[in-house]
Amino acid sequence: MVDKILVLRKLADLDEYGSQIREFAGITIREYKADWKTQRIIERTLQMMIETCLDIAGHIIADENFRTPESYADMFRILHEKEIIADVQLPGLEKMAKFRNVVVHQYEKIDLETVVTIVNKNLSDFQKYKDSITGYLTKKS
């Protein structure tokens, strides 16, 4: 059985991180590139947001005894297979998992345009994820 209190607490964390990063909405590539402190704040906050989403997915997968994920992106695929997240959400969530790996492991230089696009256009993906998880928890009640 899914620990709803734990998941709801993590969703509250996601909300908090989201409100913090929205302070940077409207940032330009030039502004982002010019300030290393802003870069670190944004990159770390996005990392924390993505890891919170992954943590929630991991709890649901484990608690429901779903198949074992092969990667972070696969965690979102499992939620999709179980109809917890919608078709339209999956590609964005898979990209989030890949972005997290780049930020954490610095496999390659972080693309400034990608980060600015996430902040300015894709933060709603986190809200949609939250809504999907909340809907799932409601169905489980």
N, C-alpha and C. Protein backbone atom coordinates (compact mmCIF):
# COMPACT_ATOMS: atom_id res chain seq x y z
N MET A 1 0.84 -1.18 0.00
CA MET A 1 0.00 0.00 0.00
C MET A 1 0.89 1.25 0.00
N VAL A 2 0.54 2.20 -0.83
CA VAL A 2 1.32 3.42 -0.97
C VAL A 2 1.20 4.27 0.30
N ASP A 3 2.34 4.73 0.79
CA ASP A 3 2.37 5.61 1.96
C ASP A 3 1.97 7.01 1.50
N LYS A 4 0.68 7.31 1.60
CA LYS A 4 0.13 8.57 1.08
C LYS A 4 0.72 9.77 1.80
N ILE A 5 0.93 9.66 3.09
CA ILE A 5 1.48 10.79 3.85
C ILE A 5 2.87 11.14 3.35
N LEU A 6 3.69 10.14 3.10
CA LEU A 6 5.03 10.37 2.56
C LEU A 6 4.96 11.03 1.19
N VAL A 7 4.10 10.50 0.33
CA VAL A 7 3.99 11.06 -1.03
C VAL A 7 3.46 12.49 -0.97
N LEU A 8 2.48 12.74 -0.14
CA LEU A 8 1.94 14.10 -0.02
C LEU A 8 3.00 15.07 0.52
N ARG A 9 3.83 14.60 1.43
CA ARG A 9 4.91 15.45 1.94
C ARG A 9 5.90 15.79 0.82
N LYS A 10 6.20 14.81 -0.01
CA LYS A 10 7.10 15.06 -1.13
C LYS A 10 6.47 16.00 -2.15
N LEU A 11 5.17 15.86 -2.36
CA LEU A 11 4.48 16.79 -3.26
C LEU A 11 4.51 18.21 -2.70
N ALA A 12 4.43 18.35 -1.39
CA ALA A 12 4.55 19.68 -0.78
C ALA A 12 5.95 20.24 -0.99
N ASP A 13 6.96 19.39 -0.89
CA ASP A 13 8.34 19.83 -1.19
C ASP A 13 8.44 20.31 -2.63
N LEU A 14 7.82 19.55 -3.53
CA LEU A 14 7.83 19.92 -4.95
C LEU A 14 7.20 21.30 -5.15
N ASP A 15 6.11 21.56 -4.47
CA ASP A 15 5.47 22.88 -4.53
C ASP A 15 6.42 23.98 -4.05
N GLU A 16 7.10 23.71 -2.95
CA GLU A 16 8.02 24.70 -2.39
C GLU A 16 9.15 25.01 -3.37
N TYR A 17 9.75 23.97 -3.93
CA TYR A 17 10.82 24.17 -4.90
C TYR A 17 10.30 24.93 -6.12
N GLY A 18 9.08 24.60 -6.53
CA GLY A 18 8.48 25.26 -7.69
C GLY A 18 8.28 26.74 -7.45
N SER A 19 7.81 27.09 -6.26
CA SER A 19 7.62 28.52 -5.97
C SER A 19 8.96 29.24 -5.91
N GLN A 20 10.00 28.56 -5.45
CA GLN A 20 11.32 29.17 -5.39
C GLN A 20 11.89 29.41 -6.79
N ILE A 21 11.75 28.42 -7.65
CA ILE A 21 12.35 28.57 -8.98
C ILE A 21 11.56 29.54 -9.86
N ARG A 22 10.28 29.70 -9.56
CA ARG A 22 9.49 30.65 -10.35
C ARG A 22 9.98 32.09 -10.18
N GLU A 23 10.77 32.33 -9.15
CA GLU A 23 11.38 33.65 -8.99
C GLU A 23 12.27 33.99 -10.18
N PHE A 24 12.71 32.96 -10.90
CA PHE A 24 13.60 33.16 -12.04
C PHE A 24 12.86 33.16 -13.38
N ALA A 25 11.54 33.06 -13.34
CA ALA A 25 10.76 33.06 -14.58
C ALA A 25 11.04 34.32 -15.36
N GLY A 26 11.21 34.16 -16.64
CA GLY A 26 11.50 35.30 -17.51
C GLY A 26 12.99 35.54 -17.72
N ILE A 27 13.82 34.74 -17.08
CA ILE A 27 15.27 34.92 -17.23
C ILE A 27 15.68 34.68 -18.68
N THR A 28 16.63 35.45 -19.13
CA THR A 28 17.14 35.30 -20.49
C THR A 28 18.42 34.45 -20.45
N ILE A 29 18.78 33.94 -21.60
CA ILE A 29 20.03 33.18 -21.70
C ILE A 29 21.20 34.06 -21.30
N ARG A 30 21.16 35.28 -21.72
CA ARG A 30 22.25 36.21 -21.39
C ARG A 30 22.37 36.42 -19.87
N GLU A 31 21.23 36.63 -19.20
CA GLU A 31 21.24 36.80 -17.74
C GLU A 31 21.72 35.53 -17.05
N TYR A 32 21.24 34.41 -17.53
CA TYR A 32 21.63 33.12 -16.95
C TYR A 32 23.13 32.88 -17.10
N LYS A 33 23.63 33.14 -18.28
CA LYS A 33 25.05 32.90 -18.58
C LYS A 33 25.96 33.82 -17.77
N ALA A 34 25.48 35.02 -17.48
CA ALA A 34 26.32 36.04 -16.82
C ALA A 34 26.49 35.83 -15.32
N ASP A 35 25.68 34.98 -14.69
CA ASP A 35 25.70 34.88 -13.23
C ASP A 35 25.81 33.42 -12.79
N TRP A 36 26.99 33.02 -12.37
CA TRP A 36 27.19 31.63 -11.98
C TRP A 36 26.36 31.25 -10.76
N LYS A 37 26.08 32.19 -9.88
CA LYS A 37 25.26 31.88 -8.70
C LYS A 37 23.83 31.54 -9.13
N THR A 38 23.31 32.30 -10.05
CA THR A 38 21.97 32.01 -10.58
C THR A 38 21.96 30.65 -11.26
N GLN A 39 23.01 30.35 -12.01
CA GLN A 39 23.10 29.04 -12.66
C GLN A 39 23.02 27.92 -11.64
N ARG A 40 23.79 28.04 -10.55
CA ARG A 40 23.81 26.98 -9.54
C ARG A 40 22.46 26.84 -8.83
N ILE A 41 21.85 27.97 -8.52
CA ILE A 41 20.54 27.93 -7.85
C ILE A 41 19.51 27.24 -8.74
N ILE A 42 19.46 27.64 -10.00
CA ILE A 42 18.48 27.07 -10.91
C ILE A 42 18.76 25.59 -11.16
N GLU A 43 20.00 25.26 -11.46
CA GLU A 43 20.34 23.87 -11.76
C GLU A 43 20.07 22.97 -10.55
N ARG A 44 20.47 23.40 -9.37
CA ARG A 44 20.26 22.58 -8.17
C ARG A 44 18.77 22.46 -7.84
N THR A 45 18.03 23.54 -7.99
CA THR A 45 16.60 23.48 -7.70
C THR A 45 15.90 22.55 -8.69
N LEU A 46 16.25 22.64 -9.97
CA LEU A 46 15.67 21.71 -10.94
C LEU A 46 16.04 20.27 -10.61
N GLN A 47 17.28 20.05 -10.21
CA GLN A 47 17.71 18.71 -9.81
C GLN A 47 16.86 18.21 -8.64
N MET A 48 16.66 19.04 -7.64
CA MET A 48 15.87 18.64 -6.48
C MET A 48 14.42 18.35 -6.88
N MET A 49 13.88 19.15 -7.78
CA MET A 49 12.51 18.93 -8.24
C MET A 49 12.39 17.59 -8.97
N ILE A 50 13.34 17.32 -9.85
CA ILE A 50 13.32 16.07 -10.61
C ILE A 50 13.51 14.88 -9.68
N GLU A 51 14.45 15.01 -8.75
CA GLU A 51 14.69 13.90 -7.83
C GLU A 51 13.49 13.66 -6.92
N THR A 52 12.77 14.70 -6.59
CA THR A 52 11.54 14.53 -5.81
C THR A 52 10.51 13.75 -6.62
N CYS A 53 10.37 14.08 -7.89
CA CYS A 53 9.46 13.33 -8.77
C CYS A 53 9.88 11.87 -8.87
N LEU A 54 11.18 11.64 -9.01
CA LEU A 54 11.68 10.27 -9.09
C LEU A 54 11.47 9.52 -7.78
N ASP A 55 11.66 10.21 -6.68
CA ASP A 55 11.47 9.60 -5.38
C ASP A 55 10.01 9.17 -5.20
N ILE A 56 9.10 10.03 -5.60
CA ILE A 56 7.68 9.69 -5.54
C ILE A 56 7.40 8.47 -6.41
N ALA A 57 7.93 8.49 -7.62
CA ALA A 57 7.74 7.34 -8.53
C ALA A 57 8.30 6.07 -7.90
N GLY A 58 9.47 6.17 -7.30
CA GLY A 58 10.10 5.01 -6.67
C GLY A 58 9.26 4.43 -5.54
N HIS A 59 8.67 5.31 -4.74
CA HIS A 59 7.82 4.84 -3.65
C HIS A 59 6.58 4.12 -4.18
N ILE A 60 5.97 4.70 -5.20
CA ILE A 60 4.78 4.07 -5.77
C ILE A 60 5.14 2.72 -6.39
N ILE A 61 6.22 2.69 -7.15
CA ILE A 61 6.65 1.45 -7.81
C ILE A 61 6.94 0.36 -6.77
N ALA A 62 7.66 0.72 -5.72
CA ALA A 62 7.99 -0.28 -4.69
C ALA A 62 6.75 -0.71 -3.91
N ASP A 63 5.96 0.28 -3.48
CA ASP A 63 4.79 -0.04 -2.66
C ASP A 63 3.74 -0.85 -3.41
N GLU A 64 3.65 -0.62 -4.71
CA GLU A 64 2.66 -1.34 -5.53
C GLU A 64 3.25 -2.62 -6.14
N ASN A 65 4.53 -2.84 -5.88
CA ASN A 65 5.21 -4.03 -6.40
C ASN A 65 5.16 -4.10 -7.93
N PHE A 66 5.35 -2.92 -8.57
CA PHE A 66 5.45 -2.87 -10.02
C PHE A 66 6.81 -3.42 -10.43
N ARG A 67 7.01 -3.58 -11.71
CA ARG A 67 8.29 -4.12 -12.19
C ARG A 67 9.45 -3.20 -11.80
N THR A 68 10.64 -3.77 -11.75
CA THR A 68 11.82 -3.02 -11.36
C THR A 68 12.27 -2.13 -12.51
N PRO A 69 12.45 -0.83 -12.25
CA PRO A 69 12.89 0.08 -13.32
C PRO A 69 14.35 -0.17 -13.70
N GLU A 70 14.64 0.07 -14.97
CA GLU A 70 16.00 -0.10 -15.48
C GLU A 70 16.80 1.20 -15.45
N SER A 71 16.10 2.31 -15.31
CA SER A 71 16.76 3.62 -15.28
C SER A 71 15.80 4.62 -14.65
N TYR A 72 16.27 5.83 -14.45
CA TYR A 72 15.39 6.87 -13.93
C TYR A 72 14.24 7.14 -14.90
N ALA A 73 14.56 7.23 -16.18
CA ALA A 73 13.51 7.48 -17.17
C ALA A 73 12.50 6.34 -17.17
N ASP A 74 12.97 5.12 -16.93
CA ASP A 74 12.07 3.98 -16.91
C ASP A 74 11.08 4.05 -15.74
N MET A 75 11.45 4.74 -14.68
CA MET A 75 10.51 4.91 -13.57
C MET A 75 9.25 5.62 -14.05
N PHE A 76 9.45 6.64 -14.88
CA PHE A 76 8.30 7.36 -15.43
C PHE A 76 7.54 6.48 -16.43
N ARG A 77 8.28 5.64 -17.18
CA ARG A 77 7.61 4.73 -18.12
C ARG A 77 6.70 3.76 -17.36
N ILE A 78 7.15 3.30 -16.22
CA ILE A 78 6.34 2.38 -15.42
C ILE A 78 5.06 3.08 -14.96
N LEU A 79 5.18 4.31 -14.50
CA LEU A 79 3.97 5.05 -14.09
C LEU A 79 3.03 5.22 -15.27
N HIS A 80 3.60 5.42 -16.45
CA HIS A 80 2.78 5.53 -17.66
C HIS A 80 2.10 4.21 -17.98
N GLU A 81 2.86 3.11 -17.89
CA GLU A 81 2.28 1.78 -18.16
C GLU A 81 1.11 1.49 -17.23
N LYS A 82 1.19 1.98 -16.01
CA LYS A 82 0.14 1.74 -15.02
C LYS A 82 -0.93 2.83 -15.04
N GLU A 83 -0.87 3.67 -16.08
CA GLU A 83 -1.85 4.74 -16.33
C GLU A 83 -1.94 5.75 -15.18
N ILE A 84 -0.81 5.97 -14.54
CA ILE A 84 -0.74 6.98 -13.49
C ILE A 84 -0.41 8.34 -14.10
N ILE A 85 0.41 8.32 -15.14
CA ILE A 85 0.69 9.56 -15.89
C ILE A 85 0.21 9.37 -17.32
N ALA A 86 -0.16 10.47 -17.94
CA ALA A 86 -0.74 10.45 -19.28
C ALA A 86 0.32 10.32 -20.37
N ASP A 87 -0.14 9.91 -21.55
CA ASP A 87 0.74 9.79 -22.72
C ASP A 87 1.53 11.06 -22.97
N VAL A 88 0.84 12.20 -22.90
CA VAL A 88 1.50 13.47 -23.24
C VAL A 88 2.56 13.87 -22.22
N GLN A 89 2.50 13.32 -21.02
CA GLN A 89 3.47 13.66 -19.99
C GLN A 89 4.78 12.91 -20.13
N LEU A 90 4.72 11.70 -20.64
CA LEU A 90 5.89 10.82 -20.63
C LEU A 90 7.12 11.41 -21.30
N PRO A 91 7.04 11.95 -22.51
CA PRO A 91 8.27 12.46 -23.13
C PRO A 91 8.97 13.54 -22.29
N GLY A 92 8.21 14.44 -21.73
CA GLY A 92 8.81 15.50 -20.92
C GLY A 92 9.46 14.96 -19.66
N LEU A 93 8.82 13.97 -19.04
CA LEU A 93 9.37 13.37 -17.83
C LEU A 93 10.64 12.58 -18.13
N GLU A 94 10.66 11.90 -19.26
CA GLU A 94 11.88 11.18 -19.66
C GLU A 94 13.03 12.17 -19.89
N LYS A 95 12.72 13.31 -20.50
CA LYS A 95 13.75 14.34 -20.69
C LYS A 95 14.25 14.88 -19.36
N MET A 96 13.33 15.01 -18.39
CA MET A 96 13.73 15.46 -17.06
C MET A 96 14.76 14.52 -16.45
N ALA A 97 14.49 13.23 -16.56
CA ALA A 97 15.41 12.24 -15.99
C ALA A 97 16.79 12.35 -16.64
N LYS A 98 16.82 12.55 -17.95
CA LYS A 98 18.10 12.70 -18.65
C LYS A 98 18.79 13.99 -18.24
N PHE A 99 18.02 15.07 -18.11
CA PHE A 99 18.57 16.35 -17.68
C PHE A 99 19.19 16.21 -16.29
N ARG A 100 18.51 15.51 -15.39
CA ARG A 100 19.03 15.28 -14.05
C ARG A 100 20.40 14.60 -14.10
N ASN A 101 20.53 13.61 -14.97
CA ASN A 101 21.81 12.91 -15.09
C ASN A 101 22.92 13.83 -15.57
N VAL A 102 22.60 14.71 -16.48
CA VAL A 102 23.61 15.66 -16.98
C VAL A 102 24.03 16.59 -15.85
N VAL A 103 23.07 17.11 -15.11
CA VAL A 103 23.38 18.04 -14.02
C VAL A 103 24.20 17.35 -12.93
N VAL A 104 23.79 16.16 -12.54
CA VAL A 104 24.46 15.47 -11.44
C VAL A 104 25.84 14.96 -11.83
N HIS A 105 25.93 14.34 -12.98
CA HIS A 105 27.17 13.68 -13.37
C HIS A 105 28.04 14.49 -14.32
N GLN A 106 27.52 15.60 -14.77
CA GLN A 106 28.23 16.48 -15.69
C GLN A 106 28.81 15.69 -16.86
N TYR A 107 27.95 14.82 -17.43
CA TYR A 107 28.36 14.04 -18.59
C TYR A 107 28.77 14.94 -19.75
N GLU A 108 28.15 16.06 -19.80
CA GLU A 108 28.43 17.03 -20.86
C GLU A 108 28.13 18.41 -20.31
N LYS A 109 28.56 19.40 -21.02
CA LYS A 109 28.28 20.75 -20.58
C LYS A 109 26.77 20.99 -20.64
N ILE A 110 26.26 21.61 -19.61
CA ILE A 110 24.84 21.89 -19.54
C ILE A 110 24.49 22.94 -20.58
N ASP A 111 23.48 22.63 -21.38
CA ASP A 111 23.03 23.54 -22.42
C ASP A 111 22.22 24.68 -21.79
N LEU A 112 22.74 25.88 -21.91
CA LEU A 112 22.10 27.03 -21.28
C LEU A 112 20.68 27.25 -21.81
N GLU A 113 20.50 27.08 -23.08
CA GLU A 113 19.19 27.29 -23.68
C GLU A 113 18.16 26.29 -23.12
N THR A 114 18.60 25.06 -22.90
CA THR A 114 17.71 24.05 -22.33
C THR A 114 17.24 24.47 -20.94
N VAL A 115 18.18 24.93 -20.12
CA VAL A 115 17.83 25.33 -18.76
C VAL A 115 16.85 26.50 -18.77
N VAL A 116 17.15 27.49 -19.57
CA VAL A 116 16.28 28.67 -19.64
C VAL A 116 14.90 28.29 -20.17
N THR A 117 14.85 27.39 -21.14
CA THR A 117 13.56 26.93 -21.66
C THR A 117 12.76 26.22 -20.58
N ILE A 118 13.43 25.38 -19.80
CA ILE A 118 12.72 24.68 -18.72
C ILE A 118 12.12 25.69 -17.76
N VAL A 119 12.92 26.66 -17.35
CA VAL A 119 12.44 27.65 -16.37
C VAL A 119 11.31 28.49 -16.94
N ASN A 120 11.39 28.83 -18.20
CA ASN A 120 10.40 29.74 -18.78
C ASN A 120 9.19 29.05 -19.40
N LYS A 121 9.32 27.78 -19.76
CA LYS A 121 8.21 27.14 -20.48
C LYS A 121 7.77 25.78 -19.95
N ASN A 122 8.58 25.13 -19.14
CA ASN A 122 8.27 23.74 -18.80
C ASN A 122 8.03 23.47 -17.31
N LEU A 123 7.99 24.50 -16.50
CA LEU A 123 7.73 24.27 -15.08
C LEU A 123 6.34 23.68 -14.85
N SER A 124 5.44 23.93 -15.78
CA SER A 124 4.08 23.38 -15.65
C SER A 124 4.09 21.85 -15.69
N ASP A 125 5.15 21.25 -16.26
CA ASP A 125 5.25 19.80 -16.28
C ASP A 125 5.27 19.23 -14.86
N PHE A 126 5.88 19.96 -13.94
CA PHE A 126 5.92 19.51 -12.56
C PHE A 126 4.53 19.55 -11.93
N GLN A 127 3.77 20.59 -12.24
CA GLN A 127 2.40 20.68 -11.72
C GLN A 127 1.53 19.57 -12.29
N LYS A 128 1.71 19.28 -13.57
CA LYS A 128 0.93 18.20 -14.19
C LYS A 128 1.28 16.85 -13.56
N TYR A 129 2.55 16.67 -13.25
CA TYR A 129 2.97 15.44 -12.58
C TYR A 129 2.31 15.35 -11.20
N LYS A 130 2.36 16.46 -10.47
CA LYS A 130 1.72 16.50 -9.15
C LYS A 130 0.24 16.17 -9.27
N ASP A 131 -0.43 16.75 -10.24
CA ASP A 131 -1.86 16.49 -10.44
C ASP A 131 -2.12 15.02 -10.73
N SER A 132 -1.25 14.40 -11.53
CA SER A 132 -1.41 12.98 -11.85
C SER A 132 -1.23 12.11 -10.61
N ILE A 133 -0.23 12.44 -9.82
CA ILE A 133 0.02 11.67 -8.61
C ILE A 133 -1.12 11.85 -7.61
N THR A 134 -1.59 13.09 -7.47
CA THR A 134 -2.71 13.36 -6.57
C THR A 134 -3.95 12.60 -7.03
N GLY A 135 -4.19 12.59 -8.33
CA GLY A 135 -5.32 11.83 -8.87
C GLY A 135 -5.20 10.34 -8.57
N TYR A 136 -4.01 9.84 -8.71
CA TYR A 136 -3.75 8.43 -8.40
C TYR A 136 -4.03 8.14 -6.93
N LEU A 137 -3.54 9.01 -6.05
CA LEU A 137 -3.76 8.81 -4.62
C LEU A 137 -5.25 8.87 -4.27
N THR A 138 -5.97 9.75 -4.94
CA THR A 138 -7.41 9.86 -4.70
C THR A 138 -8.12 8.58 -5.11
N LYS A 139 -7.73 8.01 -6.24
CA LYS A 139 -8.34 6.75 -6.70
C LYS A 139 -8.06 5.61 -5.72
N LYS A 140 -6.89 5.66 -5.09
CA LYS A 140 -6.49 4.60 -4.16
C LYS A 140 -7.24 4.70 -2.83
N SER A 141 -7.89 5.83 -2.58
CA SER A 141 -8.59 6.02 -1.29
C SER A 141 -9.85 5.20 -1.20
